[in-house]
Amino acid sequence: MPVPPSLVRVRRSERFRRVVDELGADPADVVAALAAVGAVVEAGEQDWWRVLDAMVLIARHPV
């Protein structure tokens, strides 16, 4: 699945690495999940951060 340029920029950031560490996830899995979202909706960098923030909230407060 192609990775949008805006997601590539997010992926290269230190903030992304911190979020992935907090999630305890493989960076490639997180990028693949976000790229799948990008196949359905057009997203920019701020949108990727919103999705990542939501993932962190879900991980911190599971039902």
N, C-alpha and C. Protein backbone atom coordinates (compact mmCIF):
# COMPACT_ATOMS: atom_id res chain seq x y z
N MET A 1 0.85 -1.17 0.00
CA MET A 1 0.00 0.00 0.00
C MET A 1 0.90 1.24 0.00
N PRO A 2 0.66 2.19 -0.88
CA PRO A 2 1.50 3.39 -0.94
C PRO A 2 1.33 4.25 0.32
N VAL A 3 2.43 4.83 0.76
CA VAL A 3 2.42 5.70 1.94
C VAL A 3 2.42 7.15 1.45
N PRO A 4 1.39 7.93 1.85
CA PRO A 4 1.32 9.33 1.42
C PRO A 4 2.54 10.12 1.91
N PRO A 5 2.99 11.10 1.14
CA PRO A 5 4.15 11.92 1.55
C PRO A 5 3.99 12.56 2.93
N SER A 6 2.78 12.98 3.27
CA SER A 6 2.57 13.59 4.60
C SER A 6 2.83 12.57 5.71
N LEU A 7 2.50 11.32 5.47
CA LEU A 7 2.74 10.28 6.47
C LEU A 7 4.24 9.95 6.54
N VAL A 8 4.91 10.01 5.42
CA VAL A 8 6.37 9.79 5.41
C VAL A 8 7.05 10.83 6.30
N ARG A 9 6.61 12.08 6.20
CA ARG A 9 7.20 13.14 7.03
C ARG A 9 6.93 12.88 8.52
N VAL A 10 5.73 12.46 8.84
CA VAL A 10 5.39 12.13 10.23
C VAL A 10 6.26 10.97 10.71
N ARG A 11 6.39 9.97 9.88
CA ARG A 11 7.15 8.76 10.23
C ARG A 11 8.61 9.08 10.58
N ARG A 12 9.16 10.09 10.00
CA ARG A 12 10.57 10.44 10.21
C ARG A 12 10.82 11.24 11.49
N SER A 13 9.76 11.61 12.19
CA SER A 13 9.91 12.50 13.35
C SER A 13 10.20 11.74 14.64
N GLU A 14 10.83 12.45 15.55
CA GLU A 14 11.09 11.91 16.89
C GLU A 14 9.77 11.68 17.63
N ARG A 15 8.82 12.56 17.42
CA ARG A 15 7.52 12.42 18.08
C ARG A 15 6.87 11.10 17.69
N PHE A 16 6.96 10.73 16.43
CA PHE A 16 6.40 9.46 15.97
C PHE A 16 7.06 8.30 16.71
N ARG A 17 8.37 8.35 16.83
CA ARG A 17 9.09 7.28 17.53
C ARG A 17 8.64 7.18 18.99
N ARG A 18 8.42 8.32 19.65
CA ARG A 18 7.95 8.31 21.04
C ARG A 18 6.55 7.70 21.14
N VAL A 19 5.68 8.07 20.21
CA VAL A 19 4.30 7.53 20.23
C VAL A 19 4.33 6.03 20.01
N VAL A 20 5.10 5.57 19.06
CA VAL A 20 5.18 4.13 18.78
C VAL A 20 5.73 3.39 19.99
N ASP A 21 6.73 3.97 20.64
CA ASP A 21 7.27 3.35 21.86
C ASP A 21 6.20 3.26 22.93
N GLU A 22 5.44 4.33 23.10
CA GLU A 22 4.38 4.33 24.10
C GLU A 22 3.33 3.27 23.80
N LEU A 23 3.04 3.09 22.52
CA LEU A 23 2.06 2.08 22.12
C LEU A 23 2.63 0.67 22.25
N GLY A 24 3.96 0.57 22.28
CA GLY A 24 4.58 -0.75 22.31
C GLY A 24 4.39 -1.49 21.00
N ALA A 25 4.37 -0.73 19.92
CA ALA A 25 4.07 -1.29 18.60
C ALA A 25 5.29 -1.26 17.70
N ASP A 26 5.22 -2.01 16.64
CA ASP A 26 6.24 -1.99 15.59
C ASP A 26 5.96 -0.79 14.70
N PRO A 27 6.95 0.07 14.46
CA PRO A 27 6.72 1.25 13.60
C PRO A 27 6.12 0.90 12.24
N ALA A 28 6.57 -0.20 11.65
CA ALA A 28 6.05 -0.60 10.34
C ALA A 28 4.56 -0.92 10.42
N ASP A 29 4.13 -1.53 11.53
CA ASP A 29 2.70 -1.84 11.70
C ASP A 29 1.87 -0.57 11.84
N VAL A 30 2.40 0.40 12.57
CA VAL A 30 1.68 1.67 12.75
C VAL A 30 1.56 2.39 11.42
N VAL A 31 2.65 2.44 10.66
CA VAL A 31 2.62 3.10 9.34
C VAL A 31 1.63 2.38 8.43
N ALA A 32 1.64 1.05 8.45
CA ALA A 32 0.71 0.29 7.60
C ALA A 32 -0.74 0.59 7.98
N ALA A 33 -1.02 0.67 9.29
CA ALA A 33 -2.38 0.97 9.74
C ALA A 33 -2.79 2.37 9.29
N LEU A 34 -1.90 3.33 9.45
CA LEU A 34 -2.21 4.70 9.03
C LEU A 34 -2.36 4.78 7.51
N ALA A 35 -1.52 4.07 6.78
CA ALA A 35 -1.63 4.07 5.31
C ALA A 35 -2.98 3.49 4.88
N ALA A 36 -3.47 2.50 5.62
CA ALA A 36 -4.79 1.93 5.30
C ALA A 36 -5.87 2.99 5.50
N VAL A 37 -5.75 3.79 6.55
CA VAL A 37 -6.69 4.90 6.75
C VAL A 37 -6.59 5.87 5.58
N GLY A 38 -5.35 6.14 5.14
CA GLY A 38 -5.12 7.05 4.03
C GLY A 38 -5.70 6.56 2.71
N ALA A 39 -5.96 5.26 2.62
CA ALA A 39 -6.58 4.73 1.41
C ALA A 39 -8.07 5.08 1.36
N VAL A 40 -8.63 5.43 2.52
CA VAL A 40 -10.06 5.72 2.60
C VAL A 40 -10.33 7.22 2.66
N VAL A 41 -9.45 7.96 3.35
CA VAL A 41 -9.63 9.41 3.49
C VAL A 41 -8.34 10.12 3.14
N GLU A 42 -8.47 11.33 2.67
CA GLU A 42 -7.30 12.15 2.39
C GLU A 42 -6.88 12.81 3.70
N ALA A 43 -5.61 12.61 4.09
CA ALA A 43 -5.16 13.12 5.38
C ALA A 43 -3.84 13.88 5.21
N GLY A 44 -3.69 14.90 6.03
CA GLY A 44 -2.44 15.66 6.09
C GLY A 44 -1.72 15.35 7.39
N GLU A 45 -0.60 16.00 7.61
CA GLU A 45 0.21 15.72 8.79
C GLU A 45 -0.58 15.88 10.09
N GLN A 46 -1.33 16.96 10.22
CA GLN A 46 -2.10 17.16 11.45
C GLN A 46 -3.13 16.06 11.66
N ASP A 47 -3.68 15.55 10.56
CA ASP A 47 -4.65 14.45 10.67
C ASP A 47 -3.98 13.19 11.19
N TRP A 48 -2.77 12.92 10.71
CA TRP A 48 -2.05 11.74 11.20
C TRP A 48 -1.80 11.85 12.69
N TRP A 49 -1.43 13.04 13.16
CA TRP A 49 -1.21 13.23 14.59
C TRP A 49 -2.49 13.01 15.38
N ARG A 50 -3.61 13.44 14.83
CA ARG A 50 -4.89 13.23 15.52
C ARG A 50 -5.19 11.73 15.65
N VAL A 51 -4.96 10.99 14.59
CA VAL A 51 -5.19 9.54 14.64
C VAL A 51 -4.24 8.89 15.64
N LEU A 52 -2.98 9.29 15.61
CA LEU A 52 -2.01 8.73 16.57
C LEU A 52 -2.40 9.08 18.00
N ASP A 53 -2.84 10.31 18.24
CA ASP A 53 -3.29 10.70 19.58
C ASP A 53 -4.46 9.83 20.03
N ALA A 54 -5.38 9.56 19.12
CA ALA A 54 -6.51 8.70 19.45
C ALA A 54 -6.04 7.29 19.78
N MET A 55 -5.06 6.79 19.05
CA MET A 55 -4.52 5.46 19.33
C MET A 55 -3.90 5.41 20.73
N VAL A 56 -3.19 6.46 21.11
CA VAL A 56 -2.58 6.50 22.44
C VAL A 56 -3.66 6.53 23.51
N LEU A 57 -4.70 7.33 23.31
CA LEU A 57 -5.79 7.39 24.29
C LEU A 57 -6.47 6.02 24.45
N ILE A 58 -6.68 5.36 23.36
CA ILE A 58 -7.31 4.02 23.41
C ILE A 58 -6.38 3.05 24.14
N ALA A 59 -5.09 3.12 23.86
CA ALA A 59 -4.13 2.21 24.52
C ALA A 59 -4.06 2.48 26.02
N ARG A 60 -4.15 3.74 26.41
CA ARG A 60 -4.06 4.11 27.83
C ARG A 60 -5.33 3.76 28.60
N HIS A 61 -6.47 3.77 27.92
CA HIS A 61 -7.76 3.56 28.58
C HIS A 61 -8.58 2.49 27.88
N PRO A 62 -8.08 1.26 27.87
CA PRO A 62 -8.86 0.21 27.21
C PRO A 62 -10.17 -0.07 27.97
N VAL A 63 -11.13 -0.54 27.25
CA VAL A 63 -12.45 -0.82 27.85
C VAL A 63 -12.42 -2.14 28.56
